[in-house]
Amino acid sequence: MEEQTVKIHGDIWKLADIQDDVAWCKEQTWTPSGYDKEGVHEHCSICWWTLGVSDDQDVGRGYVTDKNRWVCTECYDNFIKNT
């Protein structure tokens, strides 16, 4: 049986490897936000994409929970937005 995959930021991911993180993220409340903490960064809770201060929308914007957990815009759009 062929494993299901998804492309995130140009990389191929096995769905089985991220399904627990996706399930957790679907249970959270997410707010769109620009990342504004100079000198530090966060990672997407699904794909580990780096989020930080940047004019590049892929890096500088994402979604955050009230506990400061982040997801990148691509993962939000692909896995959370319509759930």
PDB file of N, CA and C in Angstrom:
ATOM      1  N   MET A   1       0.842  -1.183   0.000  1.00  0.00           N
ATOM      2  CA  MET A   1       0.000   0.000   0.000  1.00  0.00           C
ATOM      3  C   MET A   1       0.889   1.250   0.000  1.00  0.00           C
ATOM      4  N   GLU A   2       0.558   2.201  -0.842  1.00  0.00           N
ATOM      5  CA  GLU A   2       1.328   3.427  -0.978  1.00  0.00           C
ATOM      6  C   GLU A   2       0.972   4.409   0.133  1.00  0.00           C
ATOM      7  N   GLU A   3       2.014   5.018   0.744  1.00  0.00           N
ATOM      8  CA  GLU A   3       1.775   5.987   1.808  1.00  0.00           C
ATOM      9  C   GLU A   3       1.270   7.306   1.228  1.00  0.00           C
ATOM     10  N   GLN A   4       0.311   7.920   1.924  1.00  0.00           N
ATOM     11  CA  GLN A   4      -0.192   9.222   1.495  1.00  0.00           C
ATOM     12  C   GLN A   4       0.810  10.292   1.900  1.00  0.00           C
ATOM     13  N   THR A   5       1.014  11.251   0.999  1.00  0.00           N
ATOM     14  CA  THR A   5       1.946  12.331   1.268  1.00  0.00           C
ATOM     15  C   THR A   5       1.291  13.673   0.971  1.00  0.00           C
ATOM     16  N   VAL A   6       1.917  14.724   1.465  1.00  0.00           N
ATOM     17  CA  VAL A   6       1.470  16.092   1.216  1.00  0.00           C
ATOM     18  C   VAL A   6       2.719  16.956   1.066  1.00  0.00           C
ATOM     19  N   LYS A   7       2.624  17.987   0.227  1.00  0.00           N
ATOM     20  CA  LYS A   7       3.738  18.912   0.053  1.00  0.00           C
ATOM     21  C   LYS A   7       3.499  20.143   0.914  1.00  0.00           C
ATOM     22  N   ILE A   8       4.482  20.483   1.752  1.00  0.00           N
ATOM     23  CA  ILE A   8       4.419  21.666   2.612  1.00  0.00           C
ATOM     24  C   ILE A   8       5.707  22.451   2.405  1.00  0.00           C
ATOM     25  N   HIS A   9       5.596  23.694   1.993  1.00  0.00           N
ATOM     26  CA  HIS A   9       6.755  24.550   1.710  1.00  0.00           C
ATOM     27  C   HIS A   9       7.748  23.859   0.781  1.00  0.00           C
ATOM     28  N   GLY A  10       7.236  23.121  -0.179  1.00  0.00           N
ATOM     29  CA  GLY A  10       8.071  22.473  -1.179  1.00  0.00           C
ATOM     30  C   GLY A  10       8.641  21.128  -0.770  1.00  0.00           C
ATOM     31  N   ASP A  11       8.447  20.716   0.478  1.00  0.00           N
ATOM     32  CA  ASP A  11       8.944  19.427   0.965  1.00  0.00           C
ATOM     33  C   ASP A  11       7.807  18.416   1.014  1.00  0.00           C
ATOM     34  N   ILE A  12       8.126  17.166   0.744  1.00  0.00           N
ATOM     35  CA  ILE A  12       7.140  16.091   0.812  1.00  0.00           C
ATOM     36  C   ILE A  12       7.130  15.498   2.215  1.00  0.00           C
ATOM     37  N   TRP A  13       5.957  15.437   2.822  1.00  0.00           N
ATOM     38  CA  TRP A  13       5.764  14.888   4.163  1.00  0.00           C
ATOM     39  C   TRP A  13       4.834  13.685   4.085  1.00  0.00           C
ATOM     40  N   LYS A  14       5.113  12.657   4.865  1.00  0.00           N
ATOM     41  CA  LYS A  14       4.185  11.544   5.006  1.00  0.00           C
ATOM     42  C   LYS A  14       3.071  11.996   5.951  1.00  0.00           C
ATOM     43  N   LEU A  15       1.830  11.823   5.533  1.00  0.00           N
ATOM     44  CA  LEU A  15       0.705  12.218   6.383  1.00  0.00           C
ATOM     45  C   LEU A  15       0.730  11.497   7.727  1.00  0.00           C
ATOM     46  N   ALA A  16       1.176  10.257   7.730  1.00  0.00           N
ATOM     47  CA  ALA A  16       1.237   9.502   8.982  1.00  0.00           C
ATOM     48  C   ALA A  16       2.176  10.161   9.998  1.00  0.00           C
ATOM     49  N   ASP A  17       3.209  10.850   9.510  1.00  0.00           N
ATOM     50  CA  ASP A  17       4.182  11.477  10.402  1.00  0.00           C
ATOM     51  C   ASP A  17       3.666  12.749  11.063  1.00  0.00           C
ATOM     52  N   ILE A  18       2.639  13.368  10.487  1.00  0.00           N
ATOM     53  CA  ILE A  18       2.137  14.631  11.044  1.00  0.00           C
ATOM     54  C   ILE A  18       0.700  14.536  11.549  1.00  0.00           C
ATOM     55  N   GLN A  19       0.073  13.374  11.426  1.00  0.00           N
ATOM     56  CA  GLN A  19      -1.357  13.276  11.749  1.00  0.00           C
ATOM     57  C   GLN A  19      -1.678  13.610  13.203  1.00  0.00           C
ATOM     58  N   ASP A  20      -0.829  13.249  14.157  1.00  0.00           N
ATOM     59  CA  ASP A  20      -1.101  13.590  15.559  1.00  0.00           C
ATOM     60  C   ASP A  20      -1.023  15.101  15.782  1.00  0.00           C
ATOM     61  N   ASP A  21      -0.027  15.748  15.159  1.00  0.00           N
ATOM     62  CA  ASP A  21       0.107  17.198  15.296  1.00  0.00           C
ATOM     63  C   ASP A  21      -1.070  17.918  14.634  1.00  0.00           C
ATOM     64  N   VAL A  22      -1.487  17.442  13.477  1.00  0.00           N
ATOM     65  CA  VAL A  22      -2.634  18.032  12.789  1.00  0.00           C
ATOM     66  C   VAL A  22      -3.888  17.880  13.654  1.00  0.00           C
ATOM     67  N   ALA A  23      -4.099  16.704  14.220  1.00  0.00           N
ATOM     68  CA  ALA A  23      -5.278  16.474  15.062  1.00  0.00           C
ATOM     69  C   ALA A  23      -5.276  17.423  16.262  1.00  0.00           C
ATOM     70  N   TRP A  24      -4.126  17.600  16.912  1.00  0.00           N
ATOM     71  CA  TRP A  24      -4.036  18.506  18.052  1.00  0.00           C
ATOM     72  C   TRP A  24      -4.354  19.934  17.606  1.00  0.00           C
ATOM     73  N   CYS A  25      -3.781  20.342  16.497  1.00  0.00           N
ATOM     74  CA  CYS A  25      -3.986  21.708  16.004  1.00  0.00           C
ATOM     75  C   CYS A  25      -5.444  21.977  15.661  1.00  0.00           C
ATOM     76  N   LYS A  26      -6.139  20.988  15.143  1.00  0.00           N
ATOM     77  CA  LYS A  26      -7.553  21.164  14.803  1.00  0.00           C
ATOM     78  C   LYS A  26      -8.411  21.425  16.027  1.00  0.00           C
ATOM     79  N   GLU A  27      -7.954  21.032  17.195  1.00  0.00           N
ATOM     80  CA  GLU A  27      -8.705  21.227  18.435  1.00  0.00           C
ATOM     81  C   GLU A  27      -8.461  22.586  19.076  1.00  0.00           C
ATOM     82  N   GLN A  28      -7.496  23.353  18.543  1.00  0.00           N
ATOM     83  CA  GLN A  28      -7.126  24.634  19.132  1.00  0.00           C
ATOM     84  C   GLN A  28      -7.869  25.778  18.460  1.00  0.00           C
ATOM     85  N   THR A  29      -7.876  26.930  19.122  1.00  0.00           N
ATOM     86  CA  THR A  29      -8.398  28.163  18.550  1.00  0.00           C
ATOM     87  C   THR A  29      -7.206  28.985  18.076  1.00  0.00           C
ATOM     88  N   TRP A  30      -7.210  29.332  16.783  1.00  0.00           N
ATOM     89  CA  TRP A  30      -6.083  30.028  16.167  1.00  0.00           C
ATOM     90  C   TRP A  30      -6.476  31.453  15.783  1.00  0.00           C
ATOM     91  N   THR A  31      -5.553  32.379  15.979  1.00  0.00           N
ATOM     92  CA  THR A  31      -5.741  33.778  15.624  1.00  0.00           C
ATOM     93  C   THR A  31      -4.647  34.190  14.650  1.00  0.00           C
ATOM     94  N   PRO A  32      -5.010  34.824  13.522  1.00  0.00           N
ATOM     95  CA  PRO A  32      -3.962  35.284  12.611  1.00  0.00           C
ATOM     96  C   PRO A  32      -3.115  36.355  13.284  1.00  0.00           C
ATOM     97  N   SER A  33      -1.808  36.313  13.020  1.00  0.00           N
ATOM     98  CA  SER A  33      -0.912  37.252  13.689  1.00  0.00           C
ATOM     99  C   SER A  33       0.379  37.421  12.905  1.00  0.00           C
ATOM    100  N   GLY A  34       0.933  38.605  13.018  1.00  0.00           N
ATOM    101  CA  GLY A  34       2.284  38.828  12.533  1.00  0.00           C
ATOM    102  C   GLY A  34       3.248  38.520  13.664  1.00  0.00           C
ATOM    103  N   TYR A  35       4.376  37.929  13.314  1.00  0.00           N
ATOM    104  CA  TYR A  35       5.367  37.614  14.345  1.00  0.00           C
ATOM    105  C   TYR A  35       6.203  38.860  14.604  1.00  0.00           C
ATOM    106  N   ASP A  36       6.309  39.278  15.878  1.00  0.00           N
ATOM    107  CA  ASP A  36       6.961  40.554  16.166  1.00  0.00           C
ATOM    108  C   ASP A  36       8.009  40.494  17.283  1.00  0.00           C
ATOM    109  N   LYS A  37       8.484  39.323  17.639  1.00  0.00           N
ATOM    110  CA  LYS A  37       9.482  39.211  18.707  1.00  0.00           C
ATOM    111  C   LYS A  37      10.884  39.220  18.092  1.00  0.00           C
ATOM    112  N   GLU A  38      11.519  40.379  18.092  1.00  0.00           N
ATOM    113  CA  GLU A  38      12.860  40.530  17.526  1.00  0.00           C
ATOM    114  C   GLU A  38      13.857  39.605  18.237  1.00  0.00           C
ATOM    115  N   GLY A  39      14.739  39.009  17.468  1.00  0.00           N
ATOM    116  CA  GLY A  39      15.837  38.230  18.028  1.00  0.00           C
ATOM    117  C   GLY A  39      15.512  36.794  18.392  1.00  0.00           C
ATOM    118  N   VAL A  40      14.254  36.390  18.262  1.00  0.00           N
ATOM    119  CA  VAL A  40      13.862  35.003  18.541  1.00  0.00           C
ATOM    120  C   VAL A  40      12.938  34.540  17.422  1.00  0.00           C
ATOM    121  N   HIS A  41      12.603  33.280  17.425  1.00  0.00           N
ATOM    122  CA  HIS A  41      11.681  32.748  16.430  1.00  0.00           C
ATOM    123  C   HIS A  41      10.870  31.616  17.046  1.00  0.00           C
ATOM    124  N   GLU A  42       9.849  31.199  16.349  1.00  0.00           N
ATOM    125  CA  GLU A  42       9.021  30.059  16.742  1.00  0.00           C
ATOM    126  C   GLU A  42       8.973  29.099  15.562  1.00  0.00           C
ATOM    127  N   HIS A  43       8.422  27.911  15.803  1.00  0.00           N
ATOM    128  CA  HIS A  43       8.280  26.926  14.743  1.00  0.00           C
ATOM    129  C   HIS A  43       6.817  26.510  14.613  1.00  0.00           C
ATOM    130  N   CYS A  44       6.425  26.192  13.391  1.00  0.00           N
ATOM    131  CA  CYS A  44       5.091  25.675  13.135  1.00  0.00           C
ATOM    132  C   CYS A  44       4.903  24.370  13.899  1.00  0.00           C
ATOM    133  N   SER A  45       3.757  24.227  14.532  1.00  0.00           N
ATOM    134  CA  SER A  45       3.457  23.027  15.320  1.00  0.00           C
ATOM    135  C   SER A  45       3.243  21.786  14.461  1.00  0.00           C
ATOM    136  N   ILE A  46       3.119  21.962  13.148  1.00  0.00           N
ATOM    137  CA  ILE A  46       2.919  20.816  12.256  1.00  0.00           C
ATOM    138  C   ILE A  46       4.189  20.501  11.468  1.00  0.00           C
ATOM    139  N   CYS A  47       4.739  21.479  10.751  1.00  0.00           N
ATOM    140  CA  CYS A  47       5.853  21.197   9.830  1.00  0.00           C
ATOM    141  C   CYS A  47       7.198  21.731  10.296  1.00  0.00           C
ATOM    142  N   TRP A  48       7.213  22.413  11.418  1.00  0.00           N
ATOM    143  CA  TRP A  48       8.435  22.959  12.016  1.00  0.00           C
ATOM    144  C   TRP A  48       9.031  24.110  11.210  1.00  0.00           C
ATOM    145  N   TRP A  49       8.231  24.728  10.325  1.00  0.00           N
ATOM    146  CA  TRP A  49       8.643  25.904   9.565  1.00  0.00           C
ATOM    147  C   TRP A  49       9.008  27.008  10.542  1.00  0.00           C
ATOM    148  N   THR A  50      10.055  27.769  10.252  1.00  0.00           N
ATOM    149  CA  THR A  50      10.489  28.855  11.128  1.00  0.00           C
ATOM    150  C   THR A  50       9.652  30.100  10.879  1.00  0.00           C
ATOM    151  N   LEU A  51       9.093  30.643  11.942  1.00  0.00           N
ATOM    152  CA  LEU A  51       8.343  31.897  11.926  1.00  0.00           C
ATOM    153  C   LEU A  51       9.143  32.928  12.704  1.00  0.00           C
ATOM    154  N   GLY A  52       9.323  34.093  12.123  1.00  0.00           N
ATOM    155  CA  GLY A  52      10.089  35.138  12.785  1.00  0.00           C
ATOM    156  C   GLY A  52       9.762  36.488  12.182  1.00  0.00           C
ATOM    157  N   VAL A  53      10.419  37.515  12.664  1.00  0.00           N
ATOM    158  CA  VAL A  53      10.204  38.859  12.157  1.00  0.00           C
ATOM    159  C   VAL A  53      10.740  38.909  10.729  1.00  0.00           C
ATOM    160  N   SER A  54       9.863  39.248   9.780  1.00  0.00           N
ATOM    161  CA  SER A  54      10.255  39.277   8.382  1.00  0.00           C
ATOM    162  C   SER A  54       9.188  39.979   7.556  1.00  0.00           C
ATOM    163  N   ASP A  55       9.624  40.625   6.456  1.00  0.00           N
ATOM    164  CA  ASP A  55       8.677  41.179   5.500  1.00  0.00           C
ATOM    165  C   ASP A  55       8.110  40.094   4.601  1.00  0.00           C
ATOM    166  N   ASP A  56       8.759  38.936   4.562  1.00  0.00           N
ATOM    167  CA  ASP A  56       8.285  37.781   3.799  1.00  0.00           C
ATOM    168  C   ASP A  56       7.066  37.214   4.526  1.00  0.00           C
ATOM    169  N   GLN A  57       5.889  37.272   3.908  1.00  0.00           N
ATOM    170  CA  GLN A  57       4.646  36.834   4.545  1.00  0.00           C
ATOM    171  C   GLN A  57       4.693  35.372   4.977  1.00  0.00           C
ATOM    172  N   ASP A  58       5.425  34.525   4.244  1.00  0.00           N
ATOM    173  CA  ASP A  58       5.534  33.109   4.624  1.00  0.00           C
ATOM    174  C   ASP A  58       6.260  32.931   5.941  1.00  0.00           C
ATOM    175  N   VAL A  59       7.137  33.849   6.282  1.00  0.00           N
ATOM    176  CA  VAL A  59       7.926  33.767   7.515  1.00  0.00           C
ATOM    177  C   VAL A  59       7.338  34.649   8.614  1.00  0.00           C
ATOM    178  N   GLY A  60       6.887  35.826   8.250  1.00  0.00           N
ATOM    179  CA  GLY A  60       6.484  36.826   9.235  1.00  0.00           C
ATOM    180  C   GLY A  60       5.046  36.759   9.711  1.00  0.00           C
ATOM    181  N   ARG A  61       4.219  35.905   9.086  1.00  0.00           N
ATOM    182  CA  ARG A  61       2.820  35.801   9.492  1.00  0.00           C
ATOM    183  C   ARG A  61       2.444  34.346   9.683  1.00  0.00           C
ATOM    184  N   GLY A  62       1.529  34.113  10.617  1.00  0.00           N
ATOM    185  CA  GLY A  62       1.030  32.774  10.864  1.00  0.00           C
ATOM    186  C   GLY A  62      -0.204  32.859  11.742  1.00  0.00           C
ATOM    187  N   TYR A  63      -0.435  31.814  12.491  1.00  0.00           N
ATOM    188  CA  TYR A  63      -1.577  31.746  13.403  1.00  0.00           C
ATOM    189  C   TYR A  63      -1.066  31.312  14.762  1.00  0.00           C
ATOM    190  N   VAL A  64      -1.608  31.896  15.808  1.00  0.00           N
ATOM    191  CA  VAL A  64      -1.111  31.647  17.158  1.00  0.00           C
ATOM    192  C   VAL A  64      -2.276  31.304  18.092  1.00  0.00           C
ATOM    193  N   THR A  65      -1.989  30.452  19.090  1.00  0.00           N
ATOM    194  CA  THR A  65      -2.967  30.157  20.139  1.00  0.00           C
ATOM    195  C   THR A  65      -2.731  31.102  21.306  1.00  0.00           C
ATOM    196  N   ASP A  66      -3.621  31.064  22.284  1.00  0.00           N
ATOM    197  CA  ASP A  66      -3.432  31.887  23.479  1.00  0.00           C
ATOM    198  C   ASP A  66      -2.263  31.392  24.331  1.00  0.00           C
ATOM    199  N   LYS A  67      -1.734  30.221  24.035  1.00  0.00           N
ATOM    200  CA  LYS A  67      -0.573  29.685  24.763  1.00  0.00           C
ATOM    201  C   LYS A  67       0.714  29.835  23.940  1.00  0.00           C
ATOM    202  N   ASN A  68       0.673  30.707  22.927  1.00  0.00           N
ATOM    203  CA  ASN A  68       1.821  31.034  22.086  1.00  0.00           C
ATOM    204  C   ASN A  68       2.361  29.846  21.291  1.00  0.00           C
ATOM    205  N   ARG A  69       1.484  28.968  20.853  1.00  0.00           N
ATOM    206  CA  ARG A  69       1.847  27.922  19.893  1.00  0.00           C
ATOM    207  C   ARG A  69       1.501  28.448  18.519  1.00  0.00           C
ATOM    208  N   TRP A  70       2.317  28.156  17.525  1.00  0.00           N
ATOM    209  CA  TRP A  70       2.170  28.724  16.195  1.00  0.00           C
ATOM    210  C   TRP A  70       1.964  27.654  15.138  1.00  0.00           C
ATOM    211  N   VAL A  71       1.262  28.014  14.073  1.00  0.00           N
ATOM    212  CA  VAL A  71       1.252  27.245  12.831  1.00  0.00           C
ATOM    213  C   VAL A  71       1.499  28.233  11.698  1.00  0.00           C
ATOM    214  N   CYS A  72       2.195  27.753  10.682  1.00  0.00           N
ATOM    215  CA  CYS A  72       2.436  28.600   9.508  1.00  0.00           C
ATOM    216  C   CYS A  72       1.139  28.729   8.714  1.00  0.00           C
ATOM    217  N   THR A  73       1.086  29.722   7.866  1.00  0.00           N
ATOM    218  CA  THR A  73      -0.105  29.967   7.061  1.00  0.00           C
ATOM    219  C   THR A  73      -0.413  28.790   6.147  1.00  0.00           C
ATOM    220  N   GLU A  74       0.620  28.167   5.586  1.00  0.00           N
ATOM    221  CA  GLU A  74       0.393  27.042   4.674  1.00  0.00           C
ATOM    222  C   GLU A  74      -0.261  25.863   5.399  1.00  0.00           C
ATOM    223  N   CYS A  75       0.223  25.515   6.575  1.00  0.00           N
ATOM    224  CA  CYS A  75      -0.389  24.413   7.326  1.00  0.00           C
ATOM    225  C   CYS A  75      -1.795  24.777   7.789  1.00  0.00           C
ATOM    226  N   TYR A  76      -1.997  26.026   8.206  1.00  0.00           N
ATOM    227  CA  TYR A  76      -3.343  26.450   8.599  1.00  0.00           C
ATOM    228  C   TYR A  76      -4.302  26.278   7.431  1.00  0.00           C
ATOM    229  N   ASP A  77      -3.908  26.761   6.259  1.00  0.00           N
ATOM    230  CA  ASP A  77      -4.778  26.672   5.081  1.00  0.00           C
ATOM    231  C   ASP A  77      -5.027  25.235   4.655  1.00  0.00           C
ATOM    232  N   ASN A  78      -4.011  24.391   4.749  1.00  0.00           N
ATOM    233  CA  ASN A  78      -4.133  22.997   4.289  1.00  0.00           C
ATOM    234  C   ASN A  78      -4.849  22.072   5.266  1.00  0.00           C
ATOM    235  N   PHE A  79      -4.707  22.308   6.571  1.00  0.00           N
ATOM    236  CA  PHE A  79      -5.181  21.331   7.544  1.00  0.00           C
ATOM    237  C   PHE A  79      -6.232  21.838   8.535  1.00  0.00           C
ATOM    238  N   ILE A  80      -6.295  23.129   8.787  1.00  0.00           N
ATOM    239  CA  ILE A  80      -7.123  23.635   9.884  1.00  0.00           C
ATOM    240  C   ILE A  80      -8.281  24.515   9.405  1.00  0.00           C
ATOM    241  N   LYS A  81      -8.060  25.313   8.406  1.00  0.00           N
ATOM    242  CA  LYS A  81      -8.971  26.372   7.981  1.00  0.00           C
ATOM    243  C   LYS A  81     -10.430  25.918   7.838  1.00  0.00           C
ATOM    244  N   ASN A  82     -10.685  24.833   7.212  1.00  0.00           N
ATOM    245  CA  ASN A  82     -12.064  24.419   6.926  1.00  0.00           C
ATOM    246  C   ASN A  82     -12.571  23.309   7.848  1.00  0.00           C
ATOM    247  N   THR A  83     -12.013  23.220   9.040  1.00  0.00           N
ATOM    248  CA  THR A  83     -12.480  22.162   9.957  1.00  0.00           C
ATOM    249  C   THR A  83     -13.374  22.725  11.021  1.00  0.00           C
TER     250      THR A  83
END
